[in-house]
Structures are given as structure tokens and as C-alpha cells.
Amino acid sequence: MQPRPWLRPMVARDEHEEHRQASWLELFFDLSFVVAVAQVAVQLEHYLAEGEVGHGVTVYLMVFGAIWLAWISFSWFANSFDTDDVPYRVLMIVMIAGSLGLAAGVPQLAHLDFRIGVISYVVMRLAYVAQWVRVYRSGDPAWTAVARRMIVRTTAIQLGWILFLLVPLEWRVPVFVVWFAIDVATPALSGWDFRNGGHRGHFVERHGLFTIIVLGESIAAATIAVGGAIEAHVGAAPLLTLAAGGLIIVCCLWWVYFEFTTVRAPEGERTVQFVWGYSHYFLFAAIAAVGAGLALAVEWITEPEHVHLTETGVALVIGVALSVILVVLLVIELLAERTEPWGPSLVKASGVVWSLGAALAAPLVTVPGSVLLMGLGLVAMVAYGVALEHRMHVREALPSVDA
């Protein structure tokens, strides 16, 4: 093995380098966030079962937002800067430790006790600031001004999060929303332009990998719930129907995202790239919510007395989550500047109606039946998309005829 220096200059990577792919450290970094995503999904399922839909969804979006922002901030940073030297690795490990602390504090966050969550989040973000300090010290004129603004503003925001712990309980949600919005806007306000460095293919790959993580979390949540139901000797037919519908939904979402959406990276002005990346927050949160909805459906089948939602309400959890996913995928596709958006986009738009319609029909076909119907609707979307792409391929392969 060729020895490597323990310290390297923090300079931007070549945006045109070939075979750029996620490093082992980035994959390890992603893995640490699986725990946090699982914790927040479990809390969402708990609140929905208790019938506290408004409070549960609010807390879910808040906590998931903190997880997502910590992940996306460093993932975008690593897209431009990835020295993989000793200080870089140590700071990454500090961020991983912070993410595990955030996951451990999720149950307290659900009760608006932000102490563990804020401390863990600040640890992650200060490690992120330390990476920007290295960029600033490198003296690259293309990045010095941006690095300085990111250091000052991100550090000031962390001081604000510490002071947030002093906010009265009744004001914490609105104050959180405002301060979180400022935190999210920091890169844009600091003049970070993703067209200046960074690898577009790697940029897309990183979002795809986290999509895989939340899809896997949905499968895991449903599998654990079905396994527990089997041990409780619940009837096989409704569980098999629900499991089949859930598996079809997750597999179709994978197909739609990776086949019909991420073929091309976002192009154009800086705002387009920010919107493309930030819209993934709603995508990730909705996919994890599908897993929570499937777990809730299993609980409704096995222990209906513990679920304070109607049958339609349980089905709507999955139907609304799927509709959000399809709308966001439609936005992502249009921002990626597809040449013929009318085809797959029309399918996704119709899928929104299908998902909500199947959920509303739950009293007629039961919860497992409605989940299966949603899955079959996604199958129809995938089949149409495959047929459309085949037709376009055949058309392009035909020899042109001169007029």
C-alpha cells in the first residue's frame, strides 16, 4: 500500500475528474444517519397511533430537518472538498458522533426537550465549520470569501441554537422554524455557487445514496412490524396483502427515482441547483413516512384498539406520503431539464390522484387492500414509463428519412 501524507491542502477537487464515486468514509457517514432516521420514523408512528397527527407531523418535520441539514451540508461540502487526510477523517468522525447523539435525543425532541438534540447538532456543525476553516487557510482565491462568510455565519447560528434552549416552551416551535430557515439559507446567503467546483455526477450520486437509505429504512420498518405480527399469530391474509403492497410501493419508488428522475444532473443558475437539492428534504422525509405508515398499518391490523385513527386515516398516512414523493419527483425531473417532461411527468401527476384516491377508498377495501391498490397504481406508472422510454428509443433508432 502506498503511504499517504497525514495532512493535505484543502483545495477543491477537479470537477471533470473521471470515475468520481462516493468514498468509503462518505458511505460510513451515511450509515450513521440511518439510526437517526429510524428513531424519528418510530416517533412519527407512535404519535400517529395516538391520534396526535398535527403535533406528530410537526415534530417529525422539525427533527428530520435537523438530520437532513447536517447530512446535506457536509455532503455538498465533500462534493467540492474531499482531501481524505487525517484531520478530514477525524472531523467526519466527530460529525458521526454528533449524529448518533441526535438520534439518541429524538425521544426527548418529540416532547420539545431540545437539550441533547441541540448539543449534538452544534457538535456536528462546529466540525463542519472546522472544515471550512481549512478551506479558508488554503488561500484559494475562488473560495476564500465564501469560506469566511460560511465560518462566521454558521458559527453565529450555532450560538443562536444554544440560546434557543432558553426559549419558553410555548414559543419553541415558531422560533425553531425561523432559525432553521436562516440556517438552511446560509450557503445561499454566503454566495456558495455549486457551479464553482464540485462534481455534478457525484452530486447526484450522493442524493441517490441517501434515497437508498430511507427506502431501506421503510423496508426495515415494515419487515419488523410484520415479523412482530406473525409472532402474535395474527391472520396471514391481511398481513401478506399489506406486505406485498408495501414491497411493491418501495420497489416502484426505487424504479421511478433512479430510472425516470436522476438520469441528468441539474443545470442552469445557482438557484436551480439549490432548489433541486433542497427539495430532497421533502422526498427523504416522505419516504421515511411511508415506512412509518406501513408500521402503523400493521399495528392497526394487529392491535386496532391501540390506534386512534380511522381506517381511512391510517391509509391516508401512506397515500399523502406517496403523493408528496410524486410531486417532489415531478419537481426534480423538471429541474433536471428533461427533454420531454410531458411523459413521465404526466404519469407522476396522475399518480398523486391515484394515491389519494386509493387511500380514501380504505373503508371499502380495508387498509391492506388500499396499500396494495397504491402499489398497483405505481406499477402502472412504471409500466407506462418503461413503454414510453422504449417507444422513444425505437423512434431514435429509426433511420432518418430525407424530405
Protein backbone atom coordinates (compact mmCIF):
# COMPACT_ATOMS: atom_id res chain seq x y z
CA MET A 1 0.00 0.00 0.00
CA GLN A 2 1.36 3.39 -0.99
CA PRO A 3 1.89 5.67 2.06
CA ARG A 4 -0.08 8.91 2.14
CA PRO A 5 0.64 12.20 3.91
CA TRP A 6 -1.39 12.74 7.06
CA LEU A 7 -2.11 16.37 6.14
CA ARG A 8 -3.01 17.70 2.71
CA PRO A 9 -4.01 21.17 1.49
CA MET A 10 -7.79 21.63 1.43
CA VAL A 11 -8.22 22.53 -2.22
CA ALA A 12 -11.20 21.96 -4.47
CA ARG A 13 -11.28 18.73 -6.42
CA ASP A 14 -11.31 18.66 -10.20
CA GLU A 15 -14.90 18.93 -11.35
CA HIS A 16 -14.04 16.99 -14.53
CA GLU A 17 -12.29 14.03 -12.90
CA GLU A 18 -13.40 10.63 -14.15
CA HIS A 19 -14.75 7.77 -12.07
CA ARG A 20 -15.66 10.02 -9.14
CA GLN A 21 -17.70 7.98 -6.72
CA ALA A 22 -18.65 8.01 -3.06
CA SER A 23 -15.71 7.22 -0.77
CA TRP A 24 -15.78 4.59 1.97
CA LEU A 25 -15.83 7.42 4.51
CA GLU A 26 -18.87 9.01 2.88
CA LEU A 27 -20.69 5.68 2.95
CA PHE A 28 -19.79 5.25 6.63
CA PHE A 29 -21.03 8.80 7.25
CA ASP A 30 -24.36 7.95 5.57
CA LEU A 31 -24.71 4.78 7.61
CA SER A 32 -24.58 6.73 10.86
CA PHE A 33 -27.65 8.69 9.81
CA VAL A 34 -29.70 5.50 9.40
CA VAL A 35 -30.06 5.32 13.18
CA ALA A 36 -31.39 8.88 13.40
CA VAL A 37 -33.85 8.33 10.54
CA ALA A 38 -35.11 5.12 12.19
CA GLN A 39 -35.63 6.89 15.52
CA VAL A 40 -37.59 9.78 14.07
CA ALA A 41 -39.77 7.42 11.97
CA VAL A 42 -40.62 5.39 15.08
CA GLN A 43 -41.65 8.55 16.90
CA LEU A 44 -43.88 9.59 13.99
CA GLU A 45 -45.62 6.20 14.02
CA HIS A 46 -46.14 6.49 17.78
CA TYR A 47 -47.76 9.93 17.58
CA LEU A 48 -49.97 8.91 14.66
CA ALA A 49 -51.15 5.85 16.59
CA GLU A 50 -52.06 8.14 19.48
CA GLY A 51 -54.08 10.31 17.11
CA GLU A 52 -51.81 13.32 17.63
CA VAL A 53 -51.39 13.92 13.90
CA GLY A 54 -50.66 17.65 13.94
CA HIS A 55 -48.13 17.52 16.78
CA GLY A 56 -46.53 14.33 15.45
CA VAL A 57 -46.05 15.63 11.92
CA THR A 58 -44.72 18.98 13.20
CA VAL A 59 -42.13 17.35 15.46
CA TYR A 60 -41.24 14.86 12.71
CA LEU A 61 -40.54 17.58 10.15
CA MET A 62 -38.50 19.57 12.68
CA VAL A 63 -36.27 16.69 13.76
CA PHE A 64 -35.94 15.25 10.28
CA GLY A 65 -34.98 18.73 9.09
CA ALA A 66 -32.06 18.83 11.53
CA ILE A 67 -30.90 15.38 10.37
CA TRP A 68 -31.23 16.31 6.71
CA LEU A 69 -29.46 19.66 7.02
CA ALA A 70 -26.46 18.14 8.80
CA TRP A 71 -26.24 15.46 6.11
CA ILE A 72 -26.70 17.68 3.08
CA SER A 73 -24.36 20.40 4.30
CA PHE A 74 -21.41 18.10 4.61
CA SER A 75 -22.31 16.02 1.55
CA TRP A 76 -22.29 19.14 -0.60
CA PHE A 77 -19.05 20.26 1.04
CA ALA A 78 -17.40 16.91 0.34
CA ASN A 79 -18.52 17.14 -3.27
CA SER A 80 -16.07 20.03 -3.71
CA PHE A 81 -13.52 19.23 -0.99
CA ASP A 82 -12.52 15.71 -0.07
CA THR A 83 -8.88 15.51 0.95
CA ASP A 84 -9.40 12.29 2.95
CA ASP A 85 -6.42 13.11 5.18
CA VAL A 86 -6.23 12.59 8.96
CA PRO A 87 -7.87 15.92 10.06
CA TYR A 88 -10.64 15.42 7.49
CA ARG A 89 -11.37 11.92 8.79
CA VAL A 90 -11.27 12.99 12.43
CA LEU A 91 -13.75 15.80 11.80
CA MET A 92 -16.01 13.38 9.94
CA ILE A 93 -15.92 11.01 12.92
CA VAL A 94 -16.88 13.93 15.19
CA MET A 95 -19.86 14.59 12.94
CA ILE A 96 -20.81 10.91 13.06
CA ALA A 97 -20.69 11.05 16.88
CA GLY A 98 -22.95 14.12 16.77
CA SER A 99 -25.45 12.32 14.52
CA LEU A 100 -25.62 9.40 16.97
CA GLY A 101 -26.22 11.86 19.81
CA LEU A 102 -29.00 13.46 17.78
CA ALA A 103 -30.55 10.02 17.25
CA ALA A 104 -30.35 9.29 20.98
CA GLY A 105 -32.12 12.58 21.72
CA VAL A 106 -35.05 12.02 19.34
CA PRO A 107 -37.46 10.77 22.06
CA GLN A 108 -36.78 13.95 24.07
CA LEU A 109 -37.15 16.12 20.97
CA ALA A 110 -40.61 14.68 20.50
CA HIS A 111 -41.53 16.39 23.78
CA LEU A 112 -39.80 19.63 22.70
CA ASP A 113 -36.84 18.93 25.01
CA PHE A 114 -34.03 20.10 22.73
CA ARG A 115 -31.05 19.83 25.09
CA ILE A 116 -29.48 16.62 23.77
CA GLY A 117 -30.52 17.39 20.21
CA VAL A 118 -29.10 20.92 20.17
CA ILE A 119 -25.80 19.90 21.77
CA SER A 120 -25.38 17.05 19.29
CA TYR A 121 -26.34 19.27 16.35
CA VAL A 122 -23.94 22.05 17.41
CA VAL A 123 -21.11 19.49 17.68
CA MET A 124 -21.77 18.38 14.10
CA ARG A 125 -21.98 21.91 12.78
CA LEU A 126 -18.83 23.11 14.52
CA ALA A 127 -16.93 20.20 12.98
CA TYR A 128 -18.36 21.43 9.68
CA VAL A 129 -17.08 24.94 10.46
CA ALA A 130 -13.63 23.49 11.14
CA GLN A 131 -13.60 22.04 7.63
CA TRP A 132 -14.38 25.49 6.21
CA VAL A 133 -11.53 26.94 8.31
CA ARG A 134 -9.20 24.58 6.46
CA VAL A 135 -10.59 25.83 3.15
CA TYR A 136 -10.03 29.42 4.22
CA ARG A 137 -6.45 28.69 5.29
CA SER A 138 -5.71 27.11 1.91
CA GLY A 139 -5.81 30.60 0.39
CA ASP A 140 -7.68 29.63 -2.78
CA PRO A 141 -8.99 32.99 -4.08
CA ALA A 142 -12.04 31.29 -5.61
CA TRP A 143 -13.16 30.08 -2.18
CA THR A 144 -11.67 32.42 0.44
CA ALA A 145 -14.58 34.87 0.57
CA VAL A 146 -17.21 32.12 0.63
CA ALA A 147 -15.31 30.22 3.32
CA ARG A 148 -15.04 33.32 5.51
CA ARG A 149 -18.76 34.02 5.27
CA MET A 150 -19.64 30.37 5.94
CA ILE A 151 -17.40 30.29 9.02
CA VAL A 152 -18.80 33.49 10.54
CA ARG A 153 -22.46 32.85 9.78
CA THR A 154 -22.54 29.15 10.64
CA THR A 155 -20.76 29.80 13.95
CA ALA A 156 -23.17 32.62 14.80
CA ILE A 157 -26.12 30.36 14.04
CA GLN A 158 -24.77 27.71 16.43
CA LEU A 159 -24.61 30.32 19.17
CA GLY A 160 -28.23 31.05 18.35
CA TRP A 161 -29.14 27.36 18.72
CA ILE A 162 -27.57 27.33 22.19
CA LEU A 163 -29.60 30.40 23.17
CA PHE A 164 -32.65 28.64 21.72
CA LEU A 165 -32.58 26.36 24.77
CA LEU A 166 -33.68 29.37 26.84
CA VAL A 167 -36.80 29.99 24.73
CA PRO A 168 -40.08 29.32 26.61
CA LEU A 169 -41.77 26.05 25.68
CA GLU A 170 -44.79 27.70 24.02
CA TRP A 171 -42.52 29.66 21.65
CA ARG A 172 -40.11 26.89 20.67
CA VAL A 173 -41.85 25.68 17.52
CA PRO A 174 -42.18 29.08 15.77
CA VAL A 175 -38.68 30.15 16.88
CA PHE A 176 -37.29 26.84 15.64
CA VAL A 177 -38.91 27.31 12.22
CA VAL A 178 -37.49 30.83 11.80
CA TRP A 179 -33.98 29.97 12.98
CA PHE A 180 -33.90 26.75 10.99
CA ALA A 181 -34.88 28.69 7.84
CA ILE A 182 -31.93 31.03 8.44
CA ASP A 183 -29.65 28.02 8.93
CA VAL A 184 -30.86 26.47 5.68
CA ALA A 185 -30.34 29.74 3.79
CA THR A 186 -26.74 30.21 5.00
CA PRO A 187 -24.99 28.70 1.93
CA ALA A 188 -27.08 30.80 -0.47
CA LEU A 189 -26.57 33.96 1.61
CA SER A 190 -22.83 33.27 1.71
CA GLY A 191 -22.57 33.15 -2.07
CA TRP A 192 -21.84 29.44 -2.38
CA ASP A 193 -22.14 28.64 -6.08
CA PHE A 194 -22.13 24.94 -6.87
CA ARG A 195 -21.03 25.67 -10.41
CA ASN A 196 -17.69 26.76 -8.93
CA GLY A 197 -16.11 23.37 -8.34
CA GLY A 198 -17.79 20.16 -7.37
CA HIS A 199 -18.61 17.13 -9.46
CA ARG A 200 -22.13 17.05 -10.94
CA GLY A 201 -22.21 13.26 -11.22
CA HIS A 202 -21.06 12.83 -7.63
CA PHE A 203 -23.57 15.50 -6.53
CA VAL A 204 -26.41 13.37 -7.91
CA GLU A 205 -24.94 10.12 -6.61
CA ARG A 206 -24.82 11.37 -3.02
CA HIS A 207 -28.55 12.23 -3.08
CA GLY A 208 -29.29 8.86 -4.65
CA LEU A 209 -27.40 7.04 -1.92
CA PHE A 210 -29.39 8.74 0.83
CA THR A 211 -32.57 7.88 -1.06
CA ILE A 212 -31.47 4.25 -0.86
CA ILE A 213 -31.00 4.66 2.89
CA VAL A 214 -34.52 5.96 3.54
CA LEU A 215 -36.02 3.37 1.18
CA GLY A 216 -34.18 0.70 3.15
CA GLU A 217 -35.48 2.17 6.38
CA SER A 218 -39.04 1.89 5.07
CA ILE A 219 -38.48 -1.78 4.21
CA ALA A 220 -36.93 -2.44 7.62
CA ALA A 221 -39.77 -0.73 9.50
CA ALA A 222 -42.41 -2.73 7.64
CA THR A 223 -40.50 -6.01 7.98
CA ILE A 224 -40.04 -5.63 11.73
CA ALA A 225 -43.71 -4.77 12.17
CA VAL A 226 -44.89 -7.75 10.08
CA GLY A 227 -42.49 -10.05 11.94
CA GLY A 228 -43.92 -8.96 15.26
CA ALA A 229 -47.44 -9.53 13.98
CA ILE A 230 -46.60 -13.04 12.84
CA GLU A 231 -45.26 -13.86 16.29
CA ALA A 232 -48.57 -12.63 17.70
CA HIS A 233 -50.36 -15.23 15.48
CA VAL A 234 -52.40 -12.69 13.53
CA GLY A 235 -54.22 -13.88 10.41
CA ALA A 236 -51.89 -14.29 7.43
CA ALA A 237 -54.10 -12.90 4.64
CA PRO A 238 -54.21 -9.21 5.64
CA LEU A 239 -50.51 -9.22 6.62
CA LEU A 240 -49.46 -10.83 3.33
CA THR A 241 -51.59 -8.33 1.41
CA LEU A 242 -50.06 -5.42 3.31
CA ALA A 243 -46.52 -6.78 2.98
CA ALA A 244 -46.98 -7.30 -0.77
CA GLY A 245 -48.38 -3.80 -1.22
CA GLY A 246 -45.58 -2.25 0.85
CA LEU A 247 -42.86 -4.12 -1.04
CA ILE A 248 -44.36 -3.12 -4.38
CA ILE A 249 -44.54 0.53 -3.28
CA VAL A 250 -40.90 0.69 -2.15
CA CYS A 251 -39.59 -1.12 -5.25
CA CYS A 252 -41.60 1.12 -7.57
CA LEU A 253 -40.35 4.24 -5.79
CA TRP A 254 -36.80 3.00 -6.33
CA TRP A 255 -37.56 2.41 -10.01
CA VAL A 256 -39.18 5.79 -10.55
CA TYR A 257 -36.41 7.74 -8.81
CA PHE A 258 -33.42 6.04 -10.37
CA GLU A 259 -34.87 5.35 -13.79
CA PHE A 260 -37.02 8.37 -14.55
CA THR A 261 -35.54 11.16 -12.42
CA THR A 262 -31.79 11.21 -11.91
CA VAL A 263 -30.62 10.49 -15.43
CA ARG A 264 -29.36 14.06 -15.65
CA ALA A 265 -27.93 16.37 -13.04
CA PRO A 266 -29.45 19.84 -12.54
CA GLU A 267 -28.15 22.53 -14.82
CA GLY A 268 -28.58 26.26 -15.04
CA GLU A 269 -28.27 29.01 -12.47
CA ARG A 270 -27.35 28.60 -8.82
CA THR A 271 -30.96 28.86 -7.61
CA VAL A 272 -31.94 25.81 -9.68
CA GLN A 273 -29.28 23.70 -8.01
CA PHE A 274 -30.32 24.84 -4.54
CA VAL A 275 -33.99 24.07 -5.22
CA TRP A 276 -33.08 20.69 -6.74
CA GLY A 277 -31.03 19.71 -3.70
CA TYR A 278 -33.27 21.19 -1.01
CA SER A 279 -36.41 19.62 -2.48
CA HIS A 280 -34.89 16.28 -1.49
CA TYR A 281 -35.71 17.14 2.13
CA PHE A 282 -39.40 16.59 1.40
CA LEU A 283 -38.59 13.49 -0.64
CA PHE A 284 -36.49 11.88 2.11
CA ALA A 285 -38.99 12.77 4.84
CA ALA A 286 -41.94 11.42 2.83
CA ILE A 287 -40.17 8.13 2.01
CA ALA A 288 -39.37 7.58 5.70
CA ALA A 289 -43.01 8.46 6.47
CA VAL A 290 -44.11 5.64 4.15
CA GLY A 291 -42.22 3.24 6.42
CA ALA A 292 -43.90 4.74 9.47
CA GLY A 293 -47.27 4.43 7.73
CA LEU A 294 -46.70 0.75 6.92
CA ALA A 295 -45.75 0.07 10.55
CA LEU A 296 -48.89 1.92 11.63
CA ALA A 297 -50.99 -0.20 9.26
CA VAL A 298 -49.57 -3.39 10.79
CA GLU A 299 -50.45 -2.07 14.26
CA TRP A 300 -53.96 -1.26 13.06
CA ILE A 301 -54.39 -4.86 11.87
CA THR A 302 -52.91 -6.49 14.97
CA GLU A 303 -53.97 -4.13 17.76
CA PRO A 304 -56.68 -1.80 16.42
CA GLU A 305 -57.60 -0.71 19.95
CA HIS A 306 -54.18 0.97 20.24
CA VAL A 307 -54.59 3.06 17.07
CA HIS A 308 -56.68 6.20 17.49
CA LEU A 309 -57.07 6.83 13.76
CA THR A 310 -59.85 5.65 11.49
CA GLU A 311 -59.17 3.14 8.76
CA THR A 312 -59.18 5.94 6.21
CA GLY A 313 -56.80 7.95 8.37
CA VAL A 314 -54.30 5.09 8.53
CA ALA A 315 -54.40 4.64 4.75
CA LEU A 316 -54.12 8.39 4.21
CA VAL A 317 -50.78 8.44 6.02
CA ILE A 318 -49.29 6.35 3.23
CA GLY A 319 -51.37 7.99 0.49
CA VAL A 320 -50.33 11.53 1.44
CA ALA A 321 -46.68 10.50 1.80
CA LEU A 322 -46.74 8.92 -1.67
CA SER A 323 -48.37 12.00 -3.13
CA VAL A 324 -45.64 14.22 -1.66
CA ILE A 325 -42.99 11.90 -3.10
CA LEU A 326 -44.50 12.02 -6.57
CA VAL A 327 -44.90 15.81 -6.53
CA VAL A 328 -41.26 16.27 -5.44
CA LEU A 329 -40.07 13.80 -8.09
CA LEU A 330 -42.00 15.83 -10.64
CA VAL A 331 -40.18 19.00 -9.49
CA ILE A 332 -36.81 17.24 -9.53
CA GLU A 333 -37.40 15.95 -13.02
CA LEU A 334 -38.39 19.34 -14.40
CA LEU A 335 -35.36 20.99 -12.77
CA ALA A 336 -33.11 18.35 -14.31
CA GLU A 337 -34.27 19.74 -17.68
CA ARG A 338 -35.59 16.62 -19.28
CA THR A 339 -36.17 16.98 -22.99
CA GLU A 340 -39.69 15.50 -22.91
CA PRO A 341 -41.11 16.07 -19.42
CA TRP A 342 -44.69 15.51 -20.54
CA GLY A 343 -44.37 11.71 -20.47
CA PRO A 344 -43.09 10.60 -17.05
CA SER A 345 -44.27 13.88 -15.50
CA LEU A 346 -47.84 13.21 -16.56
CA VAL A 347 -47.61 9.76 -15.03
CA LYS A 348 -46.38 11.16 -11.71
CA ALA A 349 -49.14 13.78 -11.68
CA SER A 350 -51.77 11.10 -12.22
CA GLY A 351 -50.08 9.00 -9.53
CA VAL A 352 -50.82 11.73 -6.97
CA VAL A 353 -54.54 11.39 -7.67
CA TRP A 354 -54.30 7.60 -7.62
CA SER A 355 -52.52 7.51 -4.25
CA LEU A 356 -55.02 9.76 -2.52
CA GLY A 357 -57.97 8.03 -4.19
CA ALA A 358 -56.82 4.59 -3.06
CA ALA A 359 -56.32 5.89 0.49
CA LEU A 360 -59.79 7.42 0.61
CA ALA A 361 -61.23 4.10 -0.58
CA ALA A 362 -59.84 2.33 2.51
CA PRO A 363 -63.24 1.79 4.18
CA LEU A 364 -64.37 -0.10 1.06
CA VAL A 365 -61.29 -2.27 0.53
CA THR A 366 -59.63 -2.27 4.01
CA VAL A 367 -56.19 -0.87 4.84
CA PRO A 368 -54.18 -3.76 3.32
CA GLY A 369 -56.27 -3.55 0.17
CA SER A 370 -55.75 0.20 -0.19
CA VAL A 371 -51.97 -0.22 0.24
CA LEU A 372 -52.00 -2.90 -2.45
CA LEU A 373 -54.03 -0.60 -4.72
CA MET A 374 -51.47 2.18 -4.27
CA GLY A 375 -48.74 -0.28 -5.14
CA LEU A 376 -50.53 -1.41 -8.27
CA GLY A 377 -51.00 2.23 -9.24
CA LEU A 378 -47.23 2.72 -9.02
CA VAL A 379 -46.74 -0.45 -11.08
CA ALA A 380 -48.92 1.11 -13.78
CA MET A 381 -46.76 4.26 -13.62
CA VAL A 382 -43.57 2.26 -14.01
CA ALA A 383 -45.04 0.20 -16.87
CA TYR A 384 -46.10 3.35 -18.71
CA GLY A 385 -42.69 4.92 -18.20
CA VAL A 386 -40.90 1.84 -19.48
CA ALA A 387 -43.17 1.69 -22.53
CA LEU A 388 -42.62 5.39 -23.18
CA GLU A 389 -38.84 5.07 -23.00
CA HIS A 390 -38.94 2.04 -25.29
CA ARG A 391 -41.02 3.96 -27.82
CA MET A 392 -38.61 6.89 -27.69
CA HIS A 393 -35.65 4.51 -28.12
CA VAL A 394 -37.25 2.87 -31.15
CA ARG A 395 -38.02 6.27 -32.65
CA GLU A 396 -34.41 7.44 -32.20
CA ALA A 397 -33.07 4.19 -33.65
CA LEU A 398 -35.08 4.50 -36.89
CA PRO A 399 -33.06 5.86 -39.82
CA SER A 400 -33.93 9.41 -40.71
CA VAL A 401 -35.72 9.93 -43.99
CA ASP A 402 -34.83 12.98 -46.02
CA ALA A 403 -37.79 15.04 -47.06
